[in-house]
Amino acid sequence: MVDLLSVNRSPPGLVDALCQRVEKLLVSFWPLPDEQEFQDDEPQPPRVHAQYLPLSKTEDEERNKERDYPFVQIVCMAGTISNFSEVSDGSEINVHFYFYGYHEDPREGWRIPSSMLWRTLQDLLANTVLDGYQLTTPIRWSPLNSEDPPYFTAMMETVWKGCPPAVEVPQEDNIIGVQNNEETPSAKNGEG
């Protein structure tokens, strides 16, 4: 059971929780059995990135870009709050997953991101609640046609529902401009 008091109930908190879950899942299955036939001798497990991809340390043409793959990018796209009630699921967070793979053979390369997507989707459907958010349907997914082999991508769109984040009420002794129930010099009689 999740201790909801220790959960970061925010879009970044959900993205971080999804990153941890997906990374743990994919590393435990890597290399995926159907990809072993075209994996190199030392298959690198997928890395998972929240929101933005890290900048490449070098753009050297001789750099082995194949070592950057496979990876997953989990992005918070948008959100909606439709109900302020703490007992309703009035908050939605749209999260997209991008799965990236690299393979020289275009007939096989699309299988890497598609397999990661499918494994992730199976895991999410097996347990649709994460940190107080509920995965909803429909879930849209697609292998994206590559116009730039040997790089391949698949994408999944999800929506997570939950109650809106609680409004934080300031404590009496910590109100803006007042500390310990005494006015600060900048707040006295409009002097500044």
N, C-alpha and C. Protein backbone atom coordinates (compact mmCIF):
# COMPACT_ATOMS: atom_id res chain seq x y z
N MET A 1 0.84 -1.18 0.00
CA MET A 1 0.00 0.00 0.00
C MET A 1 0.88 1.24 0.00
N VAL A 2 0.49 2.24 -0.75
CA VAL A 2 1.26 3.47 -0.89
C VAL A 2 0.87 4.44 0.22
N ASP A 3 1.86 5.02 0.88
CA ASP A 3 1.62 6.06 1.88
C ASP A 3 1.39 7.36 1.12
N LEU A 4 0.12 7.78 0.99
CA LEU A 4 -0.20 8.96 0.19
C LEU A 4 0.37 10.24 0.78
N LEU A 5 0.73 10.25 2.06
CA LEU A 5 1.32 11.45 2.63
C LEU A 5 2.74 11.67 2.13
N SER A 6 3.41 10.60 1.71
CA SER A 6 4.78 10.74 1.21
C SER A 6 4.84 10.82 -0.31
N VAL A 7 3.68 10.81 -0.96
CA VAL A 7 3.62 10.83 -2.42
C VAL A 7 3.59 12.27 -2.91
N ASN A 8 4.34 12.57 -3.95
CA ASN A 8 4.34 13.88 -4.57
C ASN A 8 3.15 13.94 -5.53
N ARG A 9 2.01 14.45 -5.06
CA ARG A 9 0.78 14.49 -5.85
C ARG A 9 0.81 15.69 -6.78
N SER A 10 1.61 15.60 -7.81
CA SER A 10 1.74 16.67 -8.78
C SER A 10 2.12 16.03 -10.12
N PRO A 11 1.98 16.76 -11.22
CA PRO A 11 2.42 16.20 -12.50
C PRO A 11 3.88 15.73 -12.49
N PRO A 12 4.83 16.52 -11.94
CA PRO A 12 6.20 16.00 -11.89
C PRO A 12 6.32 14.75 -11.03
N GLY A 13 5.54 14.69 -9.94
CA GLY A 13 5.57 13.51 -9.09
C GLY A 13 5.08 12.27 -9.81
N LEU A 14 4.01 12.42 -10.61
CA LEU A 14 3.49 11.29 -11.38
C LEU A 14 4.51 10.86 -12.43
N VAL A 15 5.10 11.81 -13.14
CA VAL A 15 6.10 11.47 -14.16
C VAL A 15 7.29 10.75 -13.53
N ASP A 16 7.76 11.24 -12.38
CA ASP A 16 8.89 10.58 -11.70
C ASP A 16 8.52 9.16 -11.28
N ALA A 17 7.31 8.96 -10.75
CA ALA A 17 6.88 7.63 -10.34
C ALA A 17 6.78 6.70 -11.55
N LEU A 18 6.29 7.22 -12.68
CA LEU A 18 6.21 6.41 -13.90
C LEU A 18 7.60 6.06 -14.40
N CYS A 19 8.54 7.00 -14.34
CA CYS A 19 9.92 6.73 -14.77
C CYS A 19 10.51 5.59 -13.95
N GLN A 20 10.35 5.65 -12.63
CA GLN A 20 10.90 4.60 -11.77
C GLN A 20 10.27 3.25 -12.09
N ARG A 21 8.96 3.25 -12.28
CA ARG A 21 8.26 1.99 -12.56
C ARG A 21 8.69 1.39 -13.89
N VAL A 22 8.74 2.22 -14.94
CA VAL A 22 9.09 1.74 -16.28
C VAL A 22 10.54 1.29 -16.33
N GLU A 23 11.44 2.04 -15.70
CA GLU A 23 12.85 1.65 -15.72
C GLU A 23 13.04 0.30 -15.01
N LYS A 24 12.44 0.15 -13.86
CA LYS A 24 12.54 -1.11 -13.12
C LYS A 24 11.98 -2.27 -13.95
N LEU A 25 10.86 -2.05 -14.60
CA LEU A 25 10.23 -3.07 -15.43
C LEU A 25 11.13 -3.46 -16.60
N LEU A 26 11.57 -2.48 -17.39
CA LEU A 26 12.32 -2.80 -18.60
C LEU A 26 13.70 -3.38 -18.29
N VAL A 27 14.35 -2.89 -17.25
CA VAL A 27 15.65 -3.46 -16.89
C VAL A 27 15.50 -4.92 -16.49
N SER A 28 14.39 -5.25 -15.81
CA SER A 28 14.18 -6.64 -15.38
C SER A 28 13.95 -7.58 -16.56
N PHE A 29 13.49 -7.06 -17.69
CA PHE A 29 13.22 -7.90 -18.85
C PHE A 29 14.26 -7.77 -19.95
N TRP A 30 15.29 -6.95 -19.73
CA TRP A 30 16.21 -6.66 -20.84
C TRP A 30 17.36 -7.62 -20.86
N PRO A 31 17.78 -8.12 -22.02
CA PRO A 31 17.14 -7.88 -23.31
C PRO A 31 15.86 -8.69 -23.43
N LEU A 32 14.91 -8.10 -24.10
CA LEU A 32 13.64 -8.80 -24.31
C LEU A 32 13.90 -10.04 -25.16
N PRO A 33 13.26 -11.16 -24.83
CA PRO A 33 13.54 -12.42 -25.53
C PRO A 33 13.43 -12.31 -27.04
N ASP A 34 12.44 -11.59 -27.56
CA ASP A 34 12.29 -11.52 -29.02
C ASP A 34 13.37 -10.66 -29.67
N GLU A 35 14.09 -9.85 -28.89
CA GLU A 35 15.15 -9.03 -29.47
C GLU A 35 16.52 -9.65 -29.35
N GLN A 36 16.67 -10.75 -28.61
CA GLN A 36 17.99 -11.31 -28.38
C GLN A 36 18.70 -11.69 -29.67
N GLU A 37 17.96 -12.05 -30.67
CA GLU A 37 18.61 -12.47 -31.92
C GLU A 37 19.37 -11.34 -32.59
N PHE A 38 18.98 -10.06 -32.33
CA PHE A 38 19.72 -8.99 -32.96
C PHE A 38 20.34 -8.02 -31.95
N GLN A 39 20.49 -8.45 -30.70
CA GLN A 39 21.19 -7.64 -29.71
C GLN A 39 22.70 -7.89 -29.84
N ASP A 40 23.48 -6.89 -29.47
CA ASP A 40 24.94 -7.07 -29.48
C ASP A 40 25.35 -7.91 -28.28
N ASP A 41 26.65 -8.14 -28.14
CA ASP A 41 27.14 -9.01 -27.07
C ASP A 41 26.83 -8.47 -25.68
N GLU A 42 26.86 -7.15 -25.50
CA GLU A 42 26.59 -6.55 -24.21
C GLU A 42 25.40 -5.62 -24.33
N PRO A 43 24.17 -6.17 -24.32
CA PRO A 43 23.00 -5.30 -24.50
C PRO A 43 22.87 -4.31 -23.35
N GLN A 44 22.66 -3.08 -23.69
CA GLN A 44 22.53 -2.02 -22.70
C GLN A 44 21.05 -1.89 -22.34
N PRO A 45 20.71 -1.93 -21.04
CA PRO A 45 19.30 -1.80 -20.68
C PRO A 45 18.78 -0.40 -21.01
N PRO A 46 17.49 -0.27 -21.24
CA PRO A 46 16.93 1.04 -21.58
C PRO A 46 17.08 2.03 -20.43
N ARG A 47 17.35 3.27 -20.78
CA ARG A 47 17.35 4.36 -19.81
C ARG A 47 16.01 5.07 -19.93
N VAL A 48 15.53 5.61 -18.84
CA VAL A 48 14.24 6.31 -18.83
C VAL A 48 14.48 7.75 -18.40
N HIS A 49 13.95 8.68 -19.19
CA HIS A 49 14.14 10.11 -18.94
C HIS A 49 12.80 10.78 -18.70
N ALA A 50 12.75 11.67 -17.70
CA ALA A 50 11.55 12.44 -17.39
C ALA A 50 11.56 13.75 -18.17
N GLN A 51 10.50 13.99 -18.90
CA GLN A 51 10.19 15.23 -19.61
C GLN A 51 11.16 15.55 -20.74
N TYR A 52 12.40 15.86 -20.45
CA TYR A 52 13.34 16.26 -21.49
C TYR A 52 14.48 15.27 -21.60
N LEU A 53 15.02 15.15 -22.80
CA LEU A 53 16.16 14.27 -22.99
C LEU A 53 17.43 15.02 -22.62
N PRO A 54 18.40 14.31 -22.05
CA PRO A 54 19.66 14.97 -21.72
C PRO A 54 20.39 15.39 -22.99
N LEU A 55 21.16 16.44 -22.88
CA LEU A 55 21.96 16.88 -24.02
C LEU A 55 23.08 15.89 -24.26
N SER A 56 23.39 15.67 -25.51
CA SER A 56 24.49 14.78 -25.86
C SER A 56 25.80 15.46 -25.47
N LYS A 57 26.70 14.68 -24.94
CA LYS A 57 27.99 15.24 -24.53
C LYS A 57 28.86 15.60 -25.73
N THR A 58 28.59 14.97 -26.84
CA THR A 58 29.40 15.26 -28.02
C THR A 58 28.57 15.05 -29.27
N GLU A 59 28.85 15.83 -30.25
CA GLU A 59 28.20 15.67 -31.54
C GLU A 59 29.19 15.12 -32.56
N ASP A 60 30.26 14.54 -32.07
CA ASP A 60 31.30 13.98 -32.93
C ASP A 60 30.68 12.95 -33.87
N GLU A 61 30.96 13.07 -35.15
CA GLU A 61 30.43 12.14 -36.15
C GLU A 61 30.88 10.70 -35.90
N GLU A 62 32.03 10.53 -35.25
CA GLU A 62 32.54 9.18 -35.01
C GLU A 62 32.00 8.56 -33.73
N ARG A 63 31.23 9.32 -32.97
CA ARG A 63 30.65 8.80 -31.73
C ARG A 63 29.68 7.68 -32.08
N ASN A 64 29.73 6.60 -31.32
CA ASN A 64 28.84 5.47 -31.54
C ASN A 64 27.47 5.78 -30.96
N LYS A 65 26.57 6.34 -31.77
CA LYS A 65 25.25 6.74 -31.31
C LYS A 65 24.39 5.54 -30.93
N GLU A 66 24.75 4.38 -31.41
CA GLU A 66 24.01 3.17 -31.07
C GLU A 66 24.03 2.94 -29.55
N ARG A 67 25.08 3.38 -28.88
CA ARG A 67 25.19 3.18 -27.43
C ARG A 67 24.22 4.07 -26.66
N ASP A 68 23.61 5.07 -27.31
CA ASP A 68 22.63 5.94 -26.65
C ASP A 68 21.26 5.25 -26.55
N TYR A 69 21.09 4.17 -27.24
CA TYR A 69 19.79 3.48 -27.34
C TYR A 69 19.86 2.14 -26.63
N PRO A 70 18.74 1.60 -26.21
CA PRO A 70 17.37 2.10 -26.25
C PRO A 70 17.11 3.05 -25.07
N PHE A 71 16.05 3.88 -25.22
CA PHE A 71 15.65 4.73 -24.12
C PHE A 71 14.18 5.07 -24.23
N VAL A 72 13.64 5.56 -23.11
CA VAL A 72 12.24 5.93 -23.00
C VAL A 72 12.19 7.36 -22.48
N GLN A 73 11.28 8.13 -23.04
CA GLN A 73 11.04 9.50 -22.58
C GLN A 73 9.59 9.57 -22.11
N ILE A 74 9.36 10.02 -20.87
CA ILE A 74 8.02 10.13 -20.32
C ILE A 74 7.74 11.61 -20.10
N VAL A 75 6.67 12.12 -20.76
CA VAL A 75 6.42 13.55 -20.84
C VAL A 75 5.02 13.89 -20.36
N CYS A 76 4.93 14.85 -19.44
CA CYS A 76 3.63 15.40 -19.03
C CYS A 76 3.24 16.41 -20.10
N MET A 77 2.13 16.14 -20.80
CA MET A 77 1.72 16.99 -21.92
C MET A 77 0.75 18.10 -21.51
N ALA A 78 -0.20 17.77 -20.64
CA ALA A 78 -1.23 18.74 -20.26
C ALA A 78 -2.02 18.18 -19.08
N GLY A 79 -2.88 19.01 -18.56
CA GLY A 79 -3.73 18.55 -17.46
C GLY A 79 -5.01 19.34 -17.43
N THR A 80 -5.99 18.80 -16.71
CA THR A 80 -7.29 19.44 -16.57
C THR A 80 -7.78 19.22 -15.15
N ILE A 81 -8.33 20.26 -14.55
CA ILE A 81 -9.03 20.11 -13.28
C ILE A 81 -10.48 20.48 -13.56
N SER A 82 -11.38 19.51 -13.39
CA SER A 82 -12.79 19.73 -13.71
C SER A 82 -13.67 19.76 -12.48
N ASN A 83 -13.11 19.43 -11.31
CA ASN A 83 -13.90 19.39 -10.09
C ASN A 83 -12.95 19.57 -8.92
N PHE A 84 -13.28 20.48 -8.00
CA PHE A 84 -12.39 20.76 -6.87
C PHE A 84 -12.61 19.83 -5.68
N SER A 85 -13.61 18.99 -5.75
CA SER A 85 -13.92 18.11 -4.63
C SER A 85 -12.78 17.14 -4.37
N GLU A 86 -12.44 16.98 -3.09
CA GLU A 86 -11.37 16.06 -2.72
C GLU A 86 -11.78 14.61 -2.84
N VAL A 87 -13.08 14.35 -3.02
CA VAL A 87 -13.55 12.96 -3.10
C VAL A 87 -13.88 12.55 -4.53
N SER A 88 -13.66 13.43 -5.49
CA SER A 88 -13.94 13.07 -6.88
C SER A 88 -12.64 12.99 -7.66
N ASP A 89 -12.71 12.36 -8.80
CA ASP A 89 -11.56 12.30 -9.70
C ASP A 89 -11.63 13.47 -10.67
N GLY A 90 -11.48 14.67 -10.14
CA GLY A 90 -11.65 15.87 -10.95
C GLY A 90 -10.38 16.38 -11.59
N SER A 91 -9.30 15.63 -11.49
CA SER A 91 -8.03 16.07 -12.07
C SER A 91 -7.55 15.02 -13.07
N GLU A 92 -7.14 15.47 -14.24
CA GLU A 92 -6.58 14.58 -15.26
C GLU A 92 -5.20 15.07 -15.65
N ILE A 93 -4.29 14.13 -15.83
CA ILE A 93 -2.94 14.46 -16.30
C ILE A 93 -2.67 13.60 -17.54
N ASN A 94 -2.37 14.26 -18.65
CA ASN A 94 -2.05 13.56 -19.89
C ASN A 94 -0.55 13.32 -19.94
N VAL A 95 -0.17 12.05 -20.06
CA VAL A 95 1.24 11.67 -20.08
C VAL A 95 1.52 10.85 -21.33
N HIS A 96 2.55 11.25 -22.07
CA HIS A 96 2.96 10.51 -23.27
C HIS A 96 4.26 9.77 -22.97
N PHE A 97 4.36 8.58 -23.54
CA PHE A 97 5.56 7.76 -23.44
C PHE A 97 6.13 7.65 -24.86
N TYR A 98 7.42 7.91 -25.01
CA TYR A 98 8.11 7.73 -26.29
C TYR A 98 9.19 6.68 -26.09
N PHE A 99 9.19 5.67 -26.93
CA PHE A 99 10.14 4.56 -26.84
C PHE A 99 11.05 4.64 -28.06
N TYR A 100 12.35 4.63 -27.83
CA TYR A 100 13.31 4.80 -28.91
C TYR A 100 14.23 3.59 -29.00
N GLY A 101 14.47 3.17 -30.23
CA GLY A 101 15.39 2.06 -30.46
C GLY A 101 16.29 2.34 -31.65
N TYR A 102 17.35 1.57 -31.75
CA TYR A 102 18.33 1.73 -32.82
C TYR A 102 18.65 0.34 -33.36
N HIS A 103 18.60 0.21 -34.70
CA HIS A 103 19.00 -1.05 -35.33
C HIS A 103 19.27 -0.78 -36.80
N GLU A 104 20.30 -1.40 -37.31
CA GLU A 104 20.70 -1.18 -38.71
C GLU A 104 19.67 -1.72 -39.71
N ASP A 105 18.97 -2.78 -39.34
CA ASP A 105 18.02 -3.42 -40.24
C ASP A 105 16.63 -2.84 -40.03
N PRO A 106 16.09 -2.06 -41.00
CA PRO A 106 14.78 -1.44 -40.83
C PRO A 106 13.64 -2.45 -40.65
N ARG A 107 13.83 -3.67 -41.16
CA ARG A 107 12.78 -4.69 -41.00
C ARG A 107 12.71 -5.20 -39.57
N GLU A 108 13.76 -5.01 -38.79
CA GLU A 108 13.80 -5.47 -37.40
C GLU A 108 13.79 -4.32 -36.40
N GLY A 109 14.28 -3.15 -36.77
CA GLY A 109 14.46 -2.05 -35.83
C GLY A 109 13.19 -1.58 -35.15
N TRP A 110 12.08 -1.61 -35.84
CA TRP A 110 10.82 -1.15 -35.26
C TRP A 110 10.38 -2.03 -34.10
N ARG A 111 10.90 -3.26 -34.03
CA ARG A 111 10.49 -4.18 -32.97
C ARG A 111 11.00 -3.75 -31.59
N ILE A 112 12.11 -3.06 -31.52
CA ILE A 112 12.68 -2.67 -30.23
C ILE A 112 11.75 -1.71 -29.49
N PRO A 113 11.40 -0.55 -30.08
CA PRO A 113 10.49 0.34 -29.35
C PRO A 113 9.09 -0.25 -29.18
N SER A 114 8.63 -1.00 -30.14
CA SER A 114 7.29 -1.61 -30.02
C SER A 114 7.25 -2.63 -28.89
N SER A 115 8.31 -3.39 -28.71
CA SER A 115 8.36 -4.37 -27.62
C SER A 115 8.41 -3.67 -26.26
N MET A 116 9.18 -2.58 -26.17
CA MET A 116 9.23 -1.83 -24.90
C MET A 116 7.85 -1.24 -24.59
N LEU A 117 7.19 -0.70 -25.62
CA LEU A 117 5.85 -0.14 -25.44
C LEU A 117 4.90 -1.21 -24.94
N TRP A 118 4.91 -2.36 -25.60
CA TRP A 118 3.95 -3.40 -25.25
C TRP A 118 4.19 -3.94 -23.84
N ARG A 119 5.46 -4.11 -23.46
CA ARG A 119 5.78 -4.59 -22.12
C ARG A 119 5.31 -3.57 -21.08
N THR A 120 5.53 -2.28 -21.36
CA THR A 120 5.09 -1.22 -20.45
C THR A 120 3.57 -1.18 -20.35
N LEU A 121 2.90 -1.28 -21.47
CA LEU A 121 1.43 -1.27 -21.48
C LEU A 121 0.88 -2.44 -20.67
N GLN A 122 1.44 -3.62 -20.84
CA GLN A 122 0.99 -4.79 -20.07
C GLN A 122 1.15 -4.53 -18.57
N ASP A 123 2.28 -3.94 -18.17
CA ASP A 123 2.51 -3.66 -16.76
C ASP A 123 1.52 -2.63 -16.23
N LEU A 124 1.27 -1.57 -16.99
CA LEU A 124 0.32 -0.54 -16.55
C LEU A 124 -1.09 -1.10 -16.42
N LEU A 125 -1.47 -1.98 -17.34
CA LEU A 125 -2.81 -2.57 -17.28
C LEU A 125 -2.94 -3.57 -16.14
N ALA A 126 -1.84 -4.18 -15.73
CA ALA A 126 -1.87 -5.13 -14.61
C ALA A 126 -2.07 -4.40 -13.28
N ASN A 127 -1.65 -3.14 -13.20
CA ASN A 127 -1.82 -2.35 -11.98
C ASN A 127 -2.04 -0.91 -12.42
N THR A 128 -3.30 -0.50 -12.50
CA THR A 128 -3.66 0.78 -13.09
C THR A 128 -3.63 1.96 -12.11
N VAL A 129 -3.24 1.72 -10.87
CA VAL A 129 -3.16 2.80 -9.89
C VAL A 129 -1.70 3.06 -9.56
N LEU A 130 -1.32 4.34 -9.57
CA LEU A 130 0.05 4.72 -9.22
C LEU A 130 0.01 6.03 -8.45
N ASP A 131 0.49 6.00 -7.23
CA ASP A 131 0.59 7.19 -6.38
C ASP A 131 -0.71 7.99 -6.32
N GLY A 132 -1.82 7.28 -6.21
CA GLY A 132 -3.11 7.95 -6.07
C GLY A 132 -3.76 8.34 -7.38
N TYR A 133 -3.14 8.04 -8.49
CA TYR A 133 -3.74 8.33 -9.80
C TYR A 133 -4.19 7.02 -10.44
N GLN A 134 -5.29 7.08 -11.18
CA GLN A 134 -5.86 5.92 -11.86
C GLN A 134 -5.67 6.08 -13.37
N LEU A 135 -5.05 5.08 -14.00
CA LEU A 135 -4.93 5.07 -15.46
C LEU A 135 -6.32 4.87 -16.05
N THR A 136 -6.68 5.67 -17.05
CA THR A 136 -8.01 5.57 -17.65
C THR A 136 -7.89 5.13 -19.11
N THR A 137 -9.02 4.81 -19.68
CA THR A 137 -9.08 4.46 -21.10
C THR A 137 -9.79 5.59 -21.83
N PRO A 138 -9.55 5.76 -23.09
CA PRO A 138 -8.72 4.94 -23.97
C PRO A 138 -7.24 5.25 -23.81
N ILE A 139 -6.43 4.26 -24.11
CA ILE A 139 -4.98 4.42 -24.19
C ILE A 139 -4.65 4.31 -25.67
N ARG A 140 -3.98 5.30 -26.19
CA ARG A 140 -3.62 5.29 -27.62
C ARG A 140 -2.13 4.96 -27.73
N TRP A 141 -1.80 4.12 -28.69
CA TRP A 141 -0.39 3.79 -28.92
C TRP A 141 -0.16 3.59 -30.40
N SER A 142 1.08 3.74 -30.80
CA SER A 142 1.41 3.60 -32.21
C SER A 142 2.90 3.41 -32.41
N PRO A 143 3.30 2.43 -33.25
CA PRO A 143 4.69 2.45 -33.72
C PRO A 143 4.77 3.56 -34.76
N LEU A 144 5.73 4.43 -34.62
CA LEU A 144 5.85 5.56 -35.55
C LEU A 144 6.76 5.16 -36.70
N ASN A 145 6.31 5.39 -37.91
CA ASN A 145 7.13 5.06 -39.07
C ASN A 145 8.39 5.90 -39.07
N SER A 146 9.50 5.24 -39.25
CA SER A 146 10.79 5.94 -39.21
C SER A 146 11.14 6.47 -40.60
N GLU A 147 11.44 7.75 -40.62
CA GLU A 147 11.95 8.34 -41.85
C GLU A 147 13.46 8.46 -41.78
N ASP A 148 14.02 7.97 -40.67
CA ASP A 148 15.45 8.13 -40.44
C ASP A 148 16.05 6.86 -39.84
N PRO A 149 15.93 5.69 -40.56
CA PRO A 149 16.58 4.50 -40.02
C PRO A 149 18.07 4.79 -39.89
N PRO A 150 18.71 4.27 -38.90
CA PRO A 150 18.40 3.14 -38.04
C PRO A 150 17.71 3.52 -36.72
N TYR A 151 17.05 4.70 -36.64
CA TYR A 151 16.39 5.15 -35.42
C TYR A 151 14.89 4.87 -35.54
N PHE A 152 14.32 4.27 -34.48
CA PHE A 152 12.92 3.87 -34.52
C PHE A 152 12.22 4.32 -33.24
N THR A 153 10.93 4.64 -33.36
CA THR A 153 10.17 5.19 -32.25
C THR A 153 8.78 4.58 -32.18
N ALA A 154 8.27 4.45 -30.96
CA ALA A 154 6.87 4.10 -30.73
C ALA A 154 6.36 5.06 -29.66
N MET A 155 5.05 5.29 -29.64
CA MET A 155 4.48 6.28 -28.74
C MET A 155 3.20 5.76 -28.11
N MET A 156 2.98 6.14 -26.85
CA MET A 156 1.75 5.77 -26.15
C MET A 156 1.23 7.01 -25.41
N GLU A 157 -0.08 7.29 -25.55
CA GLU A 157 -0.73 8.40 -24.87
C GLU A 157 -1.60 7.85 -23.75
N THR A 158 -1.43 8.39 -22.53
CA THR A 158 -2.23 7.94 -21.40
C THR A 158 -2.85 9.14 -20.69
N VAL A 159 -3.92 8.86 -19.96
CA VAL A 159 -4.57 9.87 -19.11
C VAL A 159 -4.70 9.25 -17.73
N TRP A 160 -4.28 10.01 -16.72
CA TRP A 160 -4.33 9.57 -15.32
C TRP A 160 -5.28 10.49 -14.57
N LYS A 161 -6.25 9.89 -13.85
CA LYS A 161 -7.24 10.66 -13.10
C LYS A 161 -6.98 10.52 -11.61
N GLY A 162 -7.30 11.59 -10.91
CA GLY A 162 -7.19 11.57 -9.45
C GLY A 162 -7.87 12.80 -8.89
N CYS A 163 -7.94 12.88 -7.58
CA CYS A 163 -8.52 14.09 -7.01
C CYS A 163 -7.50 15.21 -7.17
N PRO A 164 -7.98 16.45 -7.29
CA PRO A 164 -7.04 17.55 -7.49
C PRO A 164 -6.12 17.70 -6.28
N PRO A 165 -4.95 18.27 -6.49
CA PRO A 165 -4.04 18.46 -5.37
C PRO A 165 -4.70 19.36 -4.31
N ALA A 166 -4.44 19.07 -3.06
CA ALA A 166 -5.02 19.85 -1.97
C ALA A 166 -4.48 21.27 -2.00
N VAL A 167 -5.31 22.20 -1.61
CA VAL A 167 -4.88 23.59 -1.49
C VAL A 167 -4.12 23.73 -0.18
N GLU A 168 -2.93 24.27 -0.25
CA GLU A 168 -2.13 24.44 0.96
C GLU A 168 -2.54 25.73 1.66
N VAL A 169 -2.86 25.62 2.92
CA VAL A 169 -3.27 26.78 3.72
C VAL A 169 -2.07 27.22 4.54
N PRO A 170 -1.69 28.50 4.47
CA PRO A 170 -0.53 28.95 5.24
C PRO A 170 -0.79 28.85 6.74
N GLN A 171 0.24 28.55 7.48
CA GLN A 171 0.12 28.50 8.93
C GLN A 171 0.10 29.93 9.47
N GLU A 172 -0.53 30.10 10.62
CA GLU A 172 -0.70 31.46 11.18
C GLU A 172 0.61 32.21 11.32
N ASP A 173 1.65 31.54 11.79
CA ASP A 173 2.89 32.26 12.04
C ASP A 173 3.80 32.33 10.82
N ASN A 174 3.29 32.00 9.66
CA ASN A 174 4.13 32.00 8.47
C ASN A 174 3.38 32.62 7.29
N ILE A 175 2.62 33.68 7.54
CA ILE A 175 1.88 34.36 6.49
C ILE A 175 2.81 35.38 5.84
N ILE A 176 2.65 35.61 4.57
CA ILE A 176 3.53 36.53 3.85
C ILE A 176 3.57 37.90 4.54
N GLY A 177 4.76 38.38 4.82
CA GLY A 177 4.94 39.68 5.45
C GLY A 177 4.84 39.65 6.96
N VAL A 178 4.45 38.51 7.54
CA VAL A 178 4.32 38.41 8.99
C VAL A 178 5.03 37.16 9.45
N GLN A 179 5.92 37.31 10.43
CA GLN A 179 6.59 36.16 11.01
C GLN A 179 6.34 36.15 12.50
N ASN A 180 5.98 35.01 13.01
CA ASN A 180 5.72 34.85 14.44
C ASN A 180 4.76 35.91 14.97
N ASN A 181 3.73 36.19 14.17
CA ASN A 181 2.68 37.15 14.51
C ASN A 181 3.21 38.56 14.74
N GLU A 182 4.38 38.88 14.24
CA GLU A 182 4.92 40.23 14.31
C GLU A 182 5.13 40.72 12.89
N GLU A 183 4.83 41.98 12.68
CA GLU A 183 5.02 42.54 11.35
C GLU A 183 6.51 42.69 11.08
N THR A 184 6.89 42.43 9.83
CA THR A 184 8.29 42.65 9.45
C THR A 184 8.45 44.15 9.11
N PRO A 185 9.66 44.67 9.15
CA PRO A 185 9.86 46.10 8.88
C PRO A 185 9.26 46.53 7.55
N SER A 186 9.31 45.69 6.51
CA SER A 186 8.79 46.10 5.21
C SER A 186 7.29 46.15 5.19
N ALA A 187 6.61 45.57 6.20
CA ALA A 187 5.15 45.56 6.19
C ALA A 187 4.55 46.58 7.16
N LYS A 188 5.36 47.29 7.93
CA LYS A 188 4.85 48.24 8.93
C LYS A 188 4.32 49.50 8.26
N ASN A 189 3.10 49.79 8.52
CA ASN A 189 2.46 51.05 8.11
C ASN A 189 2.77 51.46 6.68
N GLY A 190 2.94 50.53 5.80
CA GLY A 190 3.18 50.85 4.41
C GLY A 190 4.57 51.39 4.14
N GLU A 191 5.44 51.39 5.15
CA GLU A 191 6.80 51.88 4.93
C GLU A 191 7.62 50.79 4.28
N GLY A 192 8.59 51.13 3.53
CA GLY A 192 9.31 50.07 2.91
C GLY A 192 10.73 50.26 2.88
